[in-house]
Amino acid sequence: MFAYNIADNTWETIMTYGGNIPKPRCRHTSIIYKNSLIIFGGNDSEMSFCDLYGLNLDIKLQVPGSTLLDDLRNMLVDQMYCDVTFKVGDRTIPAHRAILAARCEHFKNMFSSKMLLL
């Protein structure tokens, strides 16, 4: 078992309690509690598991803070992927169709219809 450390760009070994390594799986439930990653259940497309594993995270693994807000702000400043432009008086305001549709039912309906936009 390994964890990728984004800050250091390195892989680190994660030790399991008791040395048992879980089989590869999907559709499992997991939670981080204190310094442990707890994994329950899942399946490997052939059989379902009803087991519980505790993975020791006593390594210098750090989850970086969220940059979502800064990333969204930078999208507006960069304007590289803007696909909608509003003209308000003399001003031109670039925007992102996906964000407008996700945040406003009116835009979602307008963009999902075959409505001609000028």
N, C-alpha and C. Protein backbone atom coordinates (compact mmCIF):
# COMPACT_ATOMS: atom_id res chain seq x y z
N MET A 1 0.86 -1.16 0.00
CA MET A 1 0.00 0.00 0.00
C MET A 1 0.90 1.22 0.00
N PHE A 2 0.55 2.20 -0.84
CA PHE A 2 1.36 3.41 -0.96
C PHE A 2 0.45 4.63 -0.97
N ALA A 3 1.02 5.75 -0.56
CA ALA A 3 0.33 7.04 -0.62
C ALA A 3 1.24 8.00 -1.37
N TYR A 4 0.64 8.79 -2.24
CA TYR A 4 1.40 9.79 -2.98
C TYR A 4 1.37 11.10 -2.22
N ASN A 5 2.54 11.64 -1.90
CA ASN A 5 2.65 12.91 -1.19
C ASN A 5 2.79 14.01 -2.22
N ILE A 6 1.73 14.80 -2.38
CA ILE A 6 1.70 15.85 -3.41
C ILE A 6 2.76 16.90 -3.15
N ALA A 7 2.94 17.29 -1.88
CA ALA A 7 3.88 18.36 -1.55
C ALA A 7 5.32 17.98 -1.92
N ASP A 8 5.71 16.72 -1.64
CA ASP A 8 7.08 16.28 -1.90
C ASP A 8 7.26 15.57 -3.23
N ASN A 9 6.16 15.26 -3.91
CA ASN A 9 6.19 14.52 -5.16
C ASN A 9 6.87 13.15 -4.96
N THR A 10 6.49 12.47 -3.86
CA THR A 10 7.07 11.17 -3.54
C THR A 10 5.98 10.18 -3.15
N TRP A 11 6.32 8.89 -3.23
CA TRP A 11 5.44 7.83 -2.77
C TRP A 11 5.93 7.36 -1.42
N GLU A 12 5.01 7.05 -0.50
CA GLU A 12 5.37 6.56 0.81
C GLU A 12 4.56 5.30 1.12
N THR A 13 5.17 4.39 1.86
CA THR A 13 4.53 3.14 2.23
C THR A 13 3.55 3.36 3.37
N ILE A 14 2.37 2.75 3.27
CA ILE A 14 1.38 2.77 4.35
C ILE A 14 1.33 1.37 4.93
N MET A 15 1.53 1.26 6.23
CA MET A 15 1.51 -0.04 6.89
C MET A 15 0.09 -0.32 7.40
N THR A 16 -0.33 -1.56 7.27
CA THR A 16 -1.64 -1.95 7.80
C THR A 16 -1.45 -2.51 9.20
N TYR A 17 -2.50 -2.43 10.00
CA TYR A 17 -2.45 -3.02 11.33
C TYR A 17 -2.41 -4.54 11.18
N GLY A 18 -1.46 -5.18 11.80
CA GLY A 18 -1.36 -6.63 11.72
C GLY A 18 -0.69 -7.12 10.44
N GLY A 19 -0.30 -6.22 9.55
CA GLY A 19 0.41 -6.60 8.33
C GLY A 19 -0.47 -7.14 7.22
N ASN A 20 -1.79 -7.23 7.42
CA ASN A 20 -2.69 -7.72 6.37
C ASN A 20 -2.94 -6.62 5.36
N ILE A 21 -2.83 -6.95 4.09
CA ILE A 21 -3.06 -5.98 3.03
C ILE A 21 -4.40 -6.28 2.37
N PRO A 22 -5.29 -5.29 2.27
CA PRO A 22 -6.58 -5.55 1.63
C PRO A 22 -6.43 -5.85 0.15
N LYS A 23 -7.33 -6.69 -0.37
CA LYS A 23 -7.36 -6.96 -1.80
C LYS A 23 -7.82 -5.70 -2.53
N PRO A 24 -7.39 -5.52 -3.78
CA PRO A 24 -7.89 -4.37 -4.55
C PRO A 24 -9.41 -4.42 -4.62
N ARG A 25 -10.05 -3.26 -4.55
CA ARG A 25 -11.50 -3.23 -4.49
C ARG A 25 -12.05 -1.89 -4.97
N CYS A 26 -13.33 -1.89 -5.22
CA CYS A 26 -14.06 -0.66 -5.54
C CYS A 26 -15.36 -0.69 -4.74
N ARG A 27 -16.10 0.40 -4.78
CA ARG A 27 -17.39 0.52 -4.09
C ARG A 27 -17.30 0.23 -2.60
N HIS A 28 -16.21 0.63 -1.98
CA HIS A 28 -16.03 0.44 -0.55
C HIS A 28 -16.35 1.73 0.20
N THR A 29 -16.41 1.63 1.50
CA THR A 29 -16.60 2.79 2.35
C THR A 29 -15.30 3.02 3.09
N SER A 30 -14.88 4.28 3.20
CA SER A 30 -13.66 4.56 3.95
C SER A 30 -13.79 5.90 4.66
N ILE A 31 -13.02 6.03 5.73
CA ILE A 31 -13.00 7.25 6.51
C ILE A 31 -11.63 7.39 7.14
N ILE A 32 -11.18 8.62 7.28
CA ILE A 32 -9.95 8.87 8.02
C ILE A 32 -10.34 9.25 9.43
N TYR A 33 -9.82 8.51 10.40
CA TYR A 33 -10.08 8.77 11.81
C TYR A 33 -8.75 8.84 12.53
N LYS A 34 -8.47 10.00 13.12
CA LYS A 34 -7.18 10.26 13.77
C LYS A 34 -6.07 9.97 12.76
N ASN A 35 -5.18 9.03 13.02
CA ASN A 35 -4.09 8.71 12.09
C ASN A 35 -4.34 7.42 11.33
N SER A 36 -5.60 7.08 11.12
CA SER A 36 -5.91 5.82 10.44
C SER A 36 -6.88 6.03 9.29
N LEU A 37 -6.70 5.25 8.26
CA LEU A 37 -7.66 5.15 7.17
C LEU A 37 -8.39 3.83 7.38
N ILE A 38 -9.68 3.88 7.64
CA ILE A 38 -10.49 2.69 7.87
C ILE A 38 -11.24 2.37 6.57
N ILE A 39 -11.11 1.14 6.10
CA ILE A 39 -11.77 0.71 4.86
C ILE A 39 -12.71 -0.44 5.20
N PHE A 40 -13.96 -0.34 4.73
CA PHE A 40 -14.93 -1.40 4.96
C PHE A 40 -15.57 -1.83 3.65
N GLY A 41 -15.65 -3.14 3.45
CA GLY A 41 -16.42 -3.72 2.36
C GLY A 41 -15.90 -3.42 0.97
N GLY A 42 -16.83 -3.41 0.01
CA GLY A 42 -16.52 -3.20 -1.38
C GLY A 42 -16.60 -4.50 -2.17
N ASN A 43 -16.17 -4.45 -3.42
CA ASN A 43 -16.10 -5.66 -4.22
C ASN A 43 -15.01 -5.52 -5.28
N ASP A 44 -14.68 -6.65 -5.90
CA ASP A 44 -13.66 -6.65 -6.95
C ASP A 44 -14.27 -7.07 -8.29
N SER A 45 -15.53 -6.82 -8.48
CA SER A 45 -16.30 -7.16 -9.69
C SER A 45 -16.65 -8.64 -9.76
N GLU A 46 -16.09 -9.46 -8.88
CA GLU A 46 -16.44 -10.88 -8.85
C GLU A 46 -17.04 -11.28 -7.52
N MET A 47 -16.52 -10.71 -6.43
CA MET A 47 -17.05 -11.06 -5.13
C MET A 47 -17.14 -9.82 -4.24
N SER A 48 -18.07 -9.85 -3.31
CA SER A 48 -18.25 -8.75 -2.37
C SER A 48 -17.47 -9.03 -1.10
N PHE A 49 -16.94 -7.98 -0.49
CA PHE A 49 -16.18 -8.11 0.74
C PHE A 49 -16.98 -7.54 1.91
N CYS A 50 -16.87 -8.18 3.04
CA CYS A 50 -17.47 -7.68 4.28
C CYS A 50 -16.36 -7.67 5.33
N ASP A 51 -15.27 -6.99 5.00
CA ASP A 51 -14.12 -6.96 5.88
C ASP A 51 -13.79 -5.52 6.29
N LEU A 52 -12.93 -5.40 7.26
CA LEU A 52 -12.57 -4.10 7.82
C LEU A 52 -11.05 -4.03 7.93
N TYR A 53 -10.46 -2.97 7.38
CA TYR A 53 -9.02 -2.77 7.45
C TYR A 53 -8.74 -1.41 8.05
N GLY A 54 -7.71 -1.36 8.89
CA GLY A 54 -7.22 -0.10 9.43
C GLY A 54 -5.82 0.13 8.90
N LEU A 55 -5.63 1.23 8.18
CA LEU A 55 -4.33 1.54 7.61
C LEU A 55 -3.70 2.66 8.42
N ASN A 56 -2.49 2.44 8.88
CA ASN A 56 -1.78 3.40 9.70
C ASN A 56 -1.26 4.54 8.83
N LEU A 57 -1.64 5.76 9.16
CA LEU A 57 -1.18 6.92 8.39
C LEU A 57 -0.14 7.71 9.16
N ASP A 58 0.66 7.04 9.98
CA ASP A 58 1.71 7.72 10.72
C ASP A 58 2.90 8.01 9.81
N ILE A 59 2.63 8.63 8.71
CA ILE A 59 3.67 9.08 7.79
C ILE A 59 3.48 10.56 7.63
N LYS A 60 4.40 11.23 7.00
CA LYS A 60 4.26 12.67 6.86
C LYS A 60 3.33 13.04 5.70
N LEU A 61 2.25 12.31 5.61
CA LEU A 61 1.23 12.56 4.60
C LEU A 61 0.40 13.76 5.03
N GLN A 62 0.36 14.76 4.19
CA GLN A 62 -0.43 15.94 4.49
C GLN A 62 -1.37 16.19 3.34
N VAL A 63 -2.61 16.40 3.67
CA VAL A 63 -3.60 16.73 2.65
C VAL A 63 -3.54 18.23 2.45
N PRO A 64 -3.22 18.68 1.24
CA PRO A 64 -3.13 20.13 1.02
C PRO A 64 -4.50 20.78 1.17
N GLY A 65 -4.50 22.03 1.57
CA GLY A 65 -5.75 22.77 1.70
C GLY A 65 -6.41 22.97 0.34
N SER A 66 -7.68 23.26 0.37
CA SER A 66 -8.43 23.45 -0.86
C SER A 66 -8.02 24.75 -1.55
N THR A 67 -7.88 24.68 -2.86
CA THR A 67 -7.58 25.87 -3.66
C THR A 67 -8.75 26.21 -4.58
N LEU A 68 -9.92 25.60 -4.32
CA LEU A 68 -11.06 25.76 -5.22
C LEU A 68 -11.44 27.22 -5.43
N LEU A 69 -11.55 27.99 -4.36
CA LEU A 69 -11.96 29.38 -4.50
C LEU A 69 -10.96 30.17 -5.35
N ASP A 70 -9.67 29.99 -5.09
CA ASP A 70 -8.65 30.67 -5.89
C ASP A 70 -8.67 30.19 -7.34
N ASP A 71 -8.89 28.89 -7.54
CA ASP A 71 -8.96 28.35 -8.91
C ASP A 71 -10.12 28.96 -9.69
N LEU A 72 -11.28 29.08 -9.03
CA LEU A 72 -12.44 29.69 -9.70
C LEU A 72 -12.20 31.16 -10.02
N ARG A 73 -11.57 31.88 -9.10
CA ARG A 73 -11.23 33.28 -9.37
C ARG A 73 -10.28 33.39 -10.54
N ASN A 74 -9.27 32.52 -10.57
CA ASN A 74 -8.30 32.55 -11.66
C ASN A 74 -8.93 32.23 -13.01
N MET A 75 -9.98 31.41 -13.02
CA MET A 75 -10.68 31.11 -14.27
C MET A 75 -11.24 32.38 -14.89
N LEU A 76 -11.74 33.28 -14.08
CA LEU A 76 -12.29 34.53 -14.60
C LEU A 76 -11.20 35.48 -15.06
N VAL A 77 -10.09 35.50 -14.33
CA VAL A 77 -8.99 36.38 -14.70
C VAL A 77 -8.32 35.88 -15.98
N ASP A 78 -8.07 34.59 -16.07
CA ASP A 78 -7.38 33.98 -17.20
C ASP A 78 -8.22 34.08 -18.48
N GLN A 79 -9.49 33.80 -18.39
CA GLN A 79 -10.45 33.85 -19.50
C GLN A 79 -10.15 32.85 -20.61
N MET A 80 -9.22 31.91 -20.37
CA MET A 80 -8.83 30.96 -21.41
C MET A 80 -10.00 30.08 -21.86
N TYR A 81 -10.81 29.61 -20.93
CA TYR A 81 -11.88 28.69 -21.28
C TYR A 81 -13.26 29.33 -21.21
N CYS A 82 -13.32 30.65 -21.18
CA CYS A 82 -14.62 31.33 -21.19
C CYS A 82 -15.33 31.01 -22.50
N ASP A 83 -16.61 30.66 -22.40
CA ASP A 83 -17.34 30.29 -23.61
C ASP A 83 -18.63 31.08 -23.78
N VAL A 84 -18.84 32.07 -22.92
CA VAL A 84 -20.01 32.94 -23.00
C VAL A 84 -19.54 34.37 -22.75
N THR A 85 -20.10 35.31 -23.49
CA THR A 85 -19.77 36.72 -23.27
C THR A 85 -21.04 37.52 -23.12
N PHE A 86 -21.10 38.33 -22.08
CA PHE A 86 -22.23 39.23 -21.85
C PHE A 86 -21.81 40.62 -22.29
N LYS A 87 -22.72 41.32 -22.97
CA LYS A 87 -22.48 42.72 -23.31
C LYS A 87 -23.43 43.54 -22.46
N VAL A 88 -22.87 44.35 -21.57
CA VAL A 88 -23.65 45.20 -20.68
C VAL A 88 -23.19 46.63 -20.94
N GLY A 89 -24.01 47.37 -21.71
CA GLY A 89 -23.60 48.71 -22.10
C GLY A 89 -22.35 48.63 -22.96
N ASP A 90 -21.31 49.31 -22.53
CA ASP A 90 -20.04 49.30 -23.26
C ASP A 90 -19.13 48.15 -22.82
N ARG A 91 -19.48 47.49 -21.75
CA ARG A 91 -18.62 46.46 -21.17
C ARG A 91 -18.87 45.08 -21.78
N THR A 92 -17.80 44.32 -21.90
CA THR A 92 -17.87 42.92 -22.31
C THR A 92 -17.43 42.10 -21.11
N ILE A 93 -18.29 41.16 -20.66
CA ILE A 93 -18.00 40.35 -19.48
C ILE A 93 -17.93 38.88 -19.88
N PRO A 94 -16.74 38.28 -19.81
CA PRO A 94 -16.60 36.86 -20.15
C PRO A 94 -17.11 35.99 -19.00
N ALA A 95 -17.61 34.79 -19.33
CA ALA A 95 -18.13 33.89 -18.32
C ALA A 95 -17.99 32.45 -18.79
N HIS A 96 -18.35 31.54 -17.90
CA HIS A 96 -18.27 30.10 -18.19
C HIS A 96 -19.68 29.51 -18.13
N ARG A 97 -20.08 28.93 -19.23
CA ARG A 97 -21.41 28.35 -19.36
C ARG A 97 -21.71 27.31 -18.28
N ALA A 98 -20.75 26.44 -17.99
CA ALA A 98 -20.96 25.38 -17.00
C ALA A 98 -21.21 25.95 -15.61
N ILE A 99 -20.47 26.98 -15.24
CA ILE A 99 -20.67 27.59 -13.92
C ILE A 99 -22.00 28.32 -13.86
N LEU A 100 -22.35 29.04 -14.90
CA LEU A 100 -23.64 29.74 -14.94
C LEU A 100 -24.79 28.74 -14.82
N ALA A 101 -24.70 27.64 -15.55
CA ALA A 101 -25.77 26.63 -15.52
C ALA A 101 -25.86 25.95 -14.15
N ALA A 102 -24.71 25.73 -13.52
CA ALA A 102 -24.71 25.07 -12.21
C ALA A 102 -25.28 25.97 -11.12
N ARG A 103 -25.12 27.27 -11.28
CA ARG A 103 -25.52 28.21 -10.24
C ARG A 103 -26.88 28.86 -10.47
N CYS A 104 -27.43 28.74 -11.68
CA CYS A 104 -28.67 29.47 -11.98
C CYS A 104 -29.58 28.60 -12.87
N GLU A 105 -30.76 28.32 -12.37
CA GLU A 105 -31.72 27.49 -13.11
C GLU A 105 -32.09 28.12 -14.45
N HIS A 106 -32.19 29.44 -14.50
CA HIS A 106 -32.52 30.14 -15.75
C HIS A 106 -31.47 29.85 -16.83
N PHE A 107 -30.18 30.00 -16.47
CA PHE A 107 -29.12 29.73 -17.44
C PHE A 107 -29.08 28.25 -17.81
N LYS A 108 -29.31 27.38 -16.84
CA LYS A 108 -29.33 25.94 -17.12
C LYS A 108 -30.38 25.61 -18.17
N ASN A 109 -31.58 26.15 -17.99
CA ASN A 109 -32.65 25.91 -18.97
C ASN A 109 -32.32 26.53 -20.32
N MET A 110 -31.77 27.72 -20.30
CA MET A 110 -31.44 28.40 -21.55
C MET A 110 -30.36 27.64 -22.32
N PHE A 111 -29.31 27.20 -21.63
CA PHE A 111 -28.20 26.52 -22.32
C PHE A 111 -28.58 25.10 -22.73
N SER A 112 -29.50 24.45 -22.05
CA SER A 112 -29.88 23.09 -22.41
C SER A 112 -30.91 23.05 -23.53
N SER A 113 -31.53 24.17 -23.82
CA SER A 113 -32.49 24.22 -24.94
C SER A 113 -31.72 24.50 -26.23
N LYS A 114 -32.41 24.43 -27.32
CA LYS A 114 -31.80 24.71 -28.61
C LYS A 114 -31.90 26.20 -28.95
N MET A 115 -32.06 27.02 -27.93
CA MET A 115 -32.24 28.45 -28.09
C MET A 115 -31.02 29.09 -28.77
N LEU A 116 -31.25 29.92 -29.75
CA LEU A 116 -30.17 30.61 -30.43
C LEU A 116 -29.71 31.80 -29.59
N LEU A 117 -28.43 31.82 -29.29
CA LEU A 117 -27.88 32.92 -28.50
C LEU A 117 -27.10 33.84 -29.42
N LEU A 118 -27.33 35.10 -29.26
CA LEU A 118 -26.60 36.10 -30.08
C LEU A 118 -25.58 36.83 -29.24
